[in-house]
Amino acid sequence: MYSEKHHNQFKKFTSKRVLITGGLGFIGSNLAISLVKLGAQVTIVDSLIPEYGGNLWNIQPVREQVHVNISDVRDEHSLKHLVKGQDYVFNLAGQTSHLDSMTNPYQDLEINARAQLCILEACRQQNSDVKIVFASTRQMYGIPEYLPVDERHVLQPVDVNGINKMAGEWYHLVYHSAYSIRSVVLRLTNTYGPRMRVKDARQTFLGIWIKHIIEGKPIEIFGDGRQVRDFNYVDDVVEALLLAGLSEEANGEIFNLGSDDPISLTDTADLLLSTYGSGIKDYIPFPPDRKNIDIGDYYGDYRKILIRLGWKPRVSLHEGLKRTLVYYQEFAESYWEQGAIHACHSVR
């Protein structure tokens, strides 16, 4: 899974105590599985709020090897107990839907801003030696002024989610500078792979595309499909999180993730269909509520994390889509009500 160099580094997690907020969600569960394999003692905290992607099936391979605490990161009293004695906190809990942030802005504020203060205050009061890795988002850059977008790009969020994630990010940096709580921020781009939410488009449009293609339904593309995006397979994102956790040089820093092969949505759809072996795409008008917060073309410059931490994406989009399709063909019933599933194909 990892390069030999990084695998040797990651052995440092053996016997370490690790707390993952949002650990039953997409990225958190993949991270938990990796840490268990590395010999870490993993505790997961997740609210299992239905809209946010937590799924107990996600940790099925390691269910008996992790401790799961079903609680909300807005509960400061439980957090004070949970952070005690932890060597690392991977802070992945959040509300990720841009559309939901516009229709329910107060809840987005509670989860993506206030809850981050709860986590940081718990660490300040109970475990100031802990290392925190915060999963942030490229959404706070808004509509890019130039491409690829580096960490010096102006921050100009186009939705409530971007504003609140920006606040959560800066809380971590302030607690690093004011209280010496070692914190690092990763600005993620479009992450995909096994265990992502596929029942709707709340996390990523690729999820609902994969569900529809397996069900034999058309995949819907908003507008002309020319928007360009970059994608990271979840294993690569997990590797970035682990590297950031181990690096003392990363403390107080912000890092973009990204890829070497940005691609249009139309070309992404064509690659997905050809990888699956069948299916059709359908262009539909951009819904106004989504168009109002669309950022147009985006792809990130990840040179800083490459130079400082030695991270780069290793899984191509074709290979990542192939692995993802195979996963959901096998475990579809754990992620959506199956109904009539399209005849299985040999994924190419």
Protein backbone atom coordinates (compact mmCIF):
# COMPACT_ATOMS: atom_id res chain seq x y z
CA MET A 1 0.00 0.00 0.00
CA TYR A 2 2.77 2.45 0.91
CA SER A 3 6.23 3.01 -0.48
CA GLU A 4 8.92 1.15 1.45
CA LYS A 5 10.31 4.42 2.79
CA HIS A 6 6.97 5.56 4.15
CA HIS A 7 6.03 2.12 5.44
CA ASN A 8 9.13 2.15 7.63
CA GLN A 9 8.18 5.61 8.90
CA PHE A 10 4.65 4.49 9.66
CA LYS A 11 5.89 1.77 12.00
CA LYS A 12 6.22 4.62 14.51
CA PHE A 13 2.45 4.36 14.98
CA THR A 14 2.83 0.90 16.52
CA SER A 15 1.30 0.90 20.03
CA LYS A 16 0.45 4.62 19.78
CA ARG A 17 -2.95 5.76 20.99
CA VAL A 18 -4.93 7.41 18.21
CA LEU A 19 -8.31 9.14 18.26
CA ILE A 20 -10.16 9.62 14.96
CA THR A 21 -13.11 11.99 14.96
CA GLY A 22 -15.57 11.11 12.22
CA GLY A 23 -13.95 7.71 12.17
CA LEU A 24 -16.96 5.83 10.83
CA GLY A 25 -17.07 8.05 7.76
CA PHE A 26 -15.32 7.64 4.44
CA ILE A 27 -11.77 8.85 5.04
CA GLY A 28 -11.80 8.18 8.78
CA SER A 29 -12.65 4.50 8.39
CA ASN A 30 -9.94 3.95 5.79
CA LEU A 31 -7.49 5.69 8.11
CA ALA A 32 -8.62 3.53 11.05
CA ILE A 33 -8.08 0.32 9.08
CA SER A 34 -4.58 1.43 8.09
CA LEU A 35 -3.65 2.40 11.65
CA VAL A 36 -4.87 -0.92 13.05
CA LYS A 37 -2.70 -2.71 10.49
CA LEU A 38 0.23 -0.59 11.70
CA GLY A 39 -0.39 -1.72 15.28
CA ALA A 40 -1.94 1.46 16.68
CA GLN A 41 -4.55 1.51 19.44
CA VAL A 42 -7.47 3.22 17.70
CA THR A 43 -10.48 4.94 19.21
CA ILE A 44 -13.21 6.20 16.90
CA VAL A 45 -15.71 8.89 17.79
CA ASP A 46 -18.64 9.42 15.44
CA SER A 47 -22.16 10.79 15.86
CA LEU A 48 -23.65 8.56 13.14
CA ILE A 49 -25.90 11.44 12.08
CA PRO A 50 -27.58 9.89 9.02
CA GLU A 51 -26.78 12.75 6.62
CA TYR A 52 -23.03 12.70 7.27
CA GLY A 53 -21.82 9.36 5.96
CA GLY A 54 -20.92 7.40 9.08
CA ASN A 55 -21.47 3.67 8.56
CA LEU A 56 -20.49 0.89 10.96
CA TRP A 57 -19.90 -1.40 7.98
CA ASN A 58 -17.00 0.83 7.00
CA ILE A 59 -14.83 -0.60 9.78
CA GLN A 60 -16.00 -4.19 9.35
CA PRO A 61 -12.44 -5.50 8.67
CA VAL A 62 -11.22 -4.19 12.07
CA ARG A 63 -14.46 -3.97 14.06
CA GLU A 64 -13.13 -6.07 16.94
CA GLN A 65 -9.80 -4.20 17.04
CA VAL A 66 -11.02 -0.64 17.55
CA HIS A 67 -12.97 1.11 20.27
CA VAL A 68 -16.04 2.94 18.95
CA ASN A 69 -17.65 5.78 20.88
CA ILE A 70 -20.93 7.01 19.43
CA SER A 71 -20.99 10.66 20.46
CA ASP A 72 -21.00 14.12 18.96
CA VAL A 73 -17.90 16.29 18.73
CA ARG A 74 -20.08 19.17 19.93
CA ASP A 75 -20.25 17.41 23.33
CA GLU A 76 -17.36 19.02 25.16
CA HIS A 77 -17.77 16.80 28.22
CA SER A 78 -17.27 13.53 26.34
CA LEU A 79 -14.38 15.03 24.38
CA LYS A 80 -12.48 15.85 27.56
CA HIS A 81 -12.55 12.15 28.40
CA LEU A 82 -11.81 10.95 24.86
CA VAL A 83 -8.68 13.06 24.25
CA LYS A 84 -6.97 12.03 27.49
CA GLY A 85 -3.88 9.93 26.89
CA GLN A 86 -4.06 10.08 23.11
CA ASP A 87 -0.84 10.49 21.16
CA TYR A 88 -2.59 11.63 17.99
CA VAL A 89 -5.95 13.10 17.05
CA PHE A 90 -6.95 12.88 13.40
CA ASN A 91 -9.75 15.40 13.25
CA LEU A 92 -11.96 14.39 10.33
CA ALA A 93 -15.41 15.09 11.79
CA GLY A 94 -17.35 17.62 9.77
CA GLN A 95 -20.33 18.56 7.67
CA THR A 96 -19.12 18.22 4.08
CA SER A 97 -22.14 19.11 1.96
CA HIS A 98 -21.83 22.54 0.37
CA LEU A 99 -25.52 22.58 -0.51
CA ASP A 100 -26.58 21.61 3.02
CA SER A 101 -24.44 24.41 4.41
CA MET A 102 -26.55 26.89 2.47
CA THR A 103 -29.91 25.41 3.48
CA ASN A 104 -28.92 24.79 7.13
CA PRO A 105 -26.11 27.25 7.87
CA TYR A 106 -26.46 27.17 11.66
CA GLN A 107 -25.82 23.44 11.84
CA ASP A 108 -22.82 23.83 9.55
CA LEU A 109 -21.52 26.53 11.88
CA GLU A 110 -22.00 24.27 14.90
CA ILE A 111 -20.17 21.29 13.39
CA ASN A 112 -17.44 22.91 11.29
CA ALA A 113 -16.60 25.82 13.59
CA ARG A 114 -17.85 25.56 17.18
CA ALA A 115 -17.19 21.82 17.43
CA GLN A 116 -13.57 22.42 16.41
CA LEU A 117 -13.19 24.74 19.38
CA CYS A 118 -14.63 22.01 21.59
CA ILE A 119 -11.99 19.56 20.37
CA LEU A 120 -9.15 22.04 20.75
CA GLU A 121 -10.28 23.19 24.20
CA ALA A 122 -10.49 19.57 25.33
CA CYS A 123 -6.93 19.05 24.12
CA ARG A 124 -5.71 22.28 25.75
CA GLN A 125 -7.23 21.32 29.08
CA GLN A 126 -6.61 17.58 29.12
CA ASN A 127 -3.78 16.70 26.70
CA SER A 128 -1.73 19.61 25.40
CA ASP A 129 1.03 17.26 24.17
CA VAL A 130 -1.22 15.62 21.57
CA LYS A 131 -0.57 15.97 17.82
CA ILE A 132 -3.61 17.00 15.75
CA VAL A 133 -4.11 16.61 12.01
CA PHE A 134 -7.09 18.56 10.70
CA ALA A 135 -8.79 17.65 7.43
CA SER A 136 -9.73 20.90 5.71
CA THR A 137 -10.94 21.59 2.17
CA ARG A 138 -10.01 23.32 -1.06
CA GLN A 139 -13.50 24.88 -1.05
CA MET A 140 -12.26 27.89 0.90
CA TYR A 141 -10.28 29.08 -2.13
CA GLY A 142 -13.53 29.74 -3.96
CA ILE A 143 -13.32 30.52 -7.67
CA PRO A 144 -9.62 30.23 -8.54
CA GLU A 145 -7.74 33.31 -9.72
CA TYR A 146 -5.04 31.06 -11.17
CA LEU A 147 -4.31 27.36 -11.67
CA PRO A 148 -2.95 25.24 -10.14
CA VAL A 149 -3.98 26.72 -6.79
CA ASP A 150 -1.21 26.88 -4.19
CA GLU A 151 -1.40 27.66 -0.48
CA ARG A 152 -0.73 31.38 -1.10
CA HIS A 153 -3.93 31.79 -3.13
CA VAL A 154 -6.42 34.26 -1.65
CA LEU A 155 -9.21 32.69 0.41
CA GLN A 156 -12.62 33.66 -0.96
CA PRO A 157 -15.25 31.01 -0.07
CA VAL A 158 -18.41 30.90 -2.16
CA ASP A 159 -20.51 29.05 0.40
CA VAL A 160 -21.12 28.79 4.14
CA ASN A 161 -19.25 25.49 4.32
CA GLY A 162 -16.06 27.11 3.05
CA ILE A 163 -16.31 29.93 5.61
CA ASN A 164 -16.87 27.60 8.54
CA LYS A 165 -14.15 25.16 7.46
CA MET A 166 -11.81 28.15 7.19
CA ALA A 167 -12.69 29.11 10.76
CA GLY A 168 -12.08 25.55 11.96
CA GLU A 169 -8.75 25.51 10.18
CA TRP A 170 -7.60 28.76 11.74
CA TYR A 171 -8.68 27.69 15.21
CA HIS A 172 -6.17 24.85 14.88
CA LEU A 173 -3.43 27.21 13.77
CA VAL A 174 -4.16 29.69 16.57
CA TYR A 175 -4.06 26.94 19.19
CA HIS A 176 -0.71 25.89 17.75
CA SER A 177 0.76 29.38 17.98
CA ALA A 178 -0.89 30.42 21.27
CA TYR A 179 -0.79 27.15 23.23
CA SER A 180 1.89 25.11 21.41
CA ILE A 181 -0.63 22.39 20.54
CA ARG A 182 0.98 20.71 17.56
CA SER A 183 -1.48 21.03 14.71
CA VAL A 184 -1.24 20.62 10.94
CA VAL A 185 -3.85 21.32 8.27
CA LEU A 186 -4.41 19.40 5.04
CA ARG A 187 -6.62 21.00 2.41
CA LEU A 188 -8.20 18.05 0.64
CA THR A 189 -9.51 18.08 -2.90
CA ASN A 190 -11.97 15.52 -4.39
CA THR A 191 -11.30 12.31 -2.49
CA TYR A 192 -12.88 9.07 -3.73
CA GLY A 193 -12.66 5.35 -3.17
CA PRO A 194 -14.15 2.50 -1.13
CA ARG A 195 -16.38 3.48 1.81
CA MET A 196 -17.39 6.88 0.44
CA ARG A 197 -21.03 7.89 0.67
CA VAL A 198 -22.79 6.80 -2.54
CA LYS A 199 -26.49 6.99 -1.68
CA ASP A 200 -26.58 10.69 -2.65
CA ALA A 201 -24.30 13.53 -3.75
CA ARG A 202 -23.73 14.99 -0.28
CA GLN A 203 -20.03 14.06 -0.17
CA THR A 204 -19.04 13.79 -3.82
CA PHE A 205 -20.75 13.52 -7.17
CA LEU A 206 -18.61 10.46 -7.95
CA GLY A 207 -20.47 8.54 -5.27
CA ILE A 208 -23.90 8.91 -6.82
CA TRP A 209 -22.40 8.32 -10.28
CA ILE A 210 -21.05 4.96 -9.11
CA LYS A 211 -24.37 4.01 -7.55
CA HIS A 212 -26.25 4.88 -10.72
CA ILE A 213 -23.87 3.08 -13.07
CA ILE A 214 -24.11 -0.13 -11.02
CA GLU A 215 -27.90 0.18 -10.96
CA GLY A 216 -27.96 0.66 -14.74
CA LYS A 217 -29.12 4.27 -14.58
CA PRO A 218 -27.67 7.22 -16.53
CA ILE A 219 -25.08 9.32 -14.73
CA GLU A 220 -26.04 12.98 -14.72
CA ILE A 221 -23.61 15.77 -15.57
CA PHE A 222 -24.51 19.35 -14.74
CA GLY A 223 -24.04 21.89 -17.52
CA ASP A 224 -21.59 21.16 -20.34
CA GLY A 225 -19.26 19.00 -18.25
CA ARG A 226 -16.19 21.04 -19.10
CA GLN A 227 -15.34 21.91 -15.50
CA VAL A 228 -11.92 20.57 -14.57
CA ARG A 229 -11.23 18.85 -11.26
CA ASP A 230 -8.45 16.89 -9.57
CA PHE A 231 -9.01 13.65 -7.68
CA ASN A 232 -7.16 11.75 -4.96
CA TYR A 233 -7.74 8.07 -4.23
CA VAL A 234 -8.42 7.55 -0.55
CA ASP A 235 -5.28 5.44 0.08
CA ASP A 236 -3.16 8.38 -1.06
CA VAL A 237 -5.06 10.71 1.27
CA VAL A 238 -4.54 8.33 4.19
CA GLU A 239 -0.83 8.33 3.43
CA ALA A 240 -0.79 12.14 3.52
CA LEU A 241 -2.59 12.15 6.89
CA LEU A 242 -0.09 9.69 8.36
CA LEU A 243 2.90 11.63 7.09
CA ALA A 244 1.50 14.87 8.50
CA GLY A 245 0.91 13.17 11.83
CA LEU A 246 4.49 12.00 12.15
CA SER A 247 6.20 15.16 10.93
CA GLU A 248 7.28 17.76 13.47
CA GLU A 249 8.25 20.02 10.57
CA ALA A 250 4.60 20.10 9.53
CA ASN A 251 3.38 21.64 12.79
CA GLY A 252 1.60 24.94 12.23
CA GLU A 253 1.58 24.45 8.47
CA ILE A 254 -1.09 24.19 5.77
CA PHE A 255 -0.69 21.76 2.87
CA ASN A 256 -2.70 21.32 -0.32
CA LEU A 257 -3.29 17.89 -1.75
CA GLY A 258 -3.76 17.44 -5.48
CA SER A 259 -2.99 15.26 -8.47
CA ASP A 260 -0.93 15.24 -11.64
CA ASP A 261 -3.82 14.65 -14.02
CA PRO A 262 -6.68 17.16 -13.68
CA ILE A 263 -9.58 16.11 -15.85
CA SER A 264 -12.94 17.47 -17.04
CA LEU A 265 -16.17 16.08 -15.65
CA THR A 266 -17.12 14.73 -19.08
CA ASP A 267 -13.81 12.91 -19.41
CA THR A 268 -14.19 11.62 -15.84
CA ALA A 269 -17.61 10.22 -16.72
CA ASP A 270 -16.26 8.60 -19.89
CA LEU A 271 -13.40 7.02 -17.95
CA LEU A 272 -15.81 5.69 -15.33
CA LEU A 273 -18.14 4.22 -17.95
CA SER A 274 -15.33 2.60 -19.92
CA THR A 275 -13.84 1.17 -16.71
CA TYR A 276 -17.20 -0.35 -15.76
CA GLY A 277 -17.86 -1.59 -19.27
CA SER A 278 -21.29 -0.11 -19.93
CA GLY A 279 -23.63 2.76 -19.11
CA ILE A 280 -24.63 6.14 -20.44
CA LYS A 281 -24.30 9.76 -19.37
CA ASP A 282 -26.90 12.49 -19.48
CA TYR A 283 -26.32 16.25 -19.51
CA ILE A 284 -28.82 18.24 -17.49
CA PRO A 285 -29.13 21.96 -16.71
CA PHE A 286 -27.14 23.17 -13.73
CA PRO A 287 -29.56 23.46 -10.77
CA PRO A 288 -29.57 27.13 -9.71
CA ASP A 289 -28.78 26.36 -6.05
CA ARG A 290 -25.68 24.44 -7.12
CA LYS A 291 -24.65 26.84 -9.87
CA ASN A 292 -24.62 29.70 -7.35
CA ILE A 293 -21.86 28.01 -5.35
CA ASP A 294 -19.94 26.30 -8.17
CA ILE A 295 -16.23 27.18 -8.28
CA GLY A 296 -15.61 26.40 -11.96
CA ASP A 297 -12.26 24.81 -12.81
CA TYR A 298 -10.06 23.77 -9.89
CA TYR A 299 -6.90 21.77 -9.42
CA GLY A 300 -4.35 22.12 -6.65
CA ASP A 301 -0.61 22.61 -6.49
CA TYR A 302 0.76 20.02 -4.07
CA ARG A 303 4.46 20.90 -4.40
CA LYS A 304 4.72 22.09 -0.80
CA ILE A 305 3.74 18.74 0.71
CA LEU A 306 5.88 16.96 -1.88
CA ILE A 307 8.96 18.97 -0.91
CA ARG A 308 8.37 19.08 2.84
CA LEU A 309 6.87 15.64 3.56
CA GLY A 310 7.67 13.61 0.44
CA TRP A 311 4.01 12.98 -0.42
CA LYS A 312 2.66 12.55 -3.90
CA PRO A 313 -0.38 10.69 -5.24
CA ARG A 314 0.46 7.23 -6.53
CA VAL A 315 -2.90 5.75 -7.61
CA SER A 316 -4.07 6.83 -11.08
CA LEU A 317 -7.69 7.82 -11.60
CA HIS A 318 -8.30 4.78 -13.82
CA GLU A 319 -6.88 2.38 -11.24
CA GLY A 320 -8.71 4.11 -8.39
CA LEU A 321 -12.04 4.00 -10.18
CA LYS A 322 -11.49 0.33 -10.95
CA ARG A 323 -10.86 -0.51 -7.29
CA THR A 324 -13.86 1.57 -6.23
CA LEU A 325 -16.25 -0.08 -8.67
CA VAL A 326 -15.12 -3.54 -7.61
CA TYR A 327 -15.71 -2.62 -3.96
CA TYR A 328 -19.26 -1.38 -4.50
CA GLN A 329 -20.17 -4.29 -6.75
CA GLU A 330 -19.29 -6.57 -3.83
CA PHE A 331 -20.75 -4.53 -0.97
CA ALA A 332 -23.62 -2.61 -2.59
CA GLU A 333 -26.17 -3.83 -0.05
CA SER A 334 -24.20 -2.18 2.76
CA TYR A 335 -24.41 1.26 1.16
CA TRP A 336 -27.83 1.55 -0.47
CA GLU A 337 -31.10 -0.24 -0.89
CA GLN A 338 -30.20 -2.50 -3.74
CA GLY A 339 -33.42 -2.87 -5.69
CA ALA A 340 -32.73 -4.08 -9.19
CA ILE A 341 -28.97 -4.06 -9.67
CA HIS A 342 -27.73 -3.95 -13.24
CA ALA A 343 -26.09 -7.12 -14.48
CA CYS A 344 -22.51 -7.27 -13.22
CA HIS A 345 -19.66 -6.52 -15.57
CA SER A 346 -16.01 -7.39 -15.39
CA VAL A 347 -14.48 -4.05 -14.46
CA ARG A 348 -11.76 -3.17 -16.91
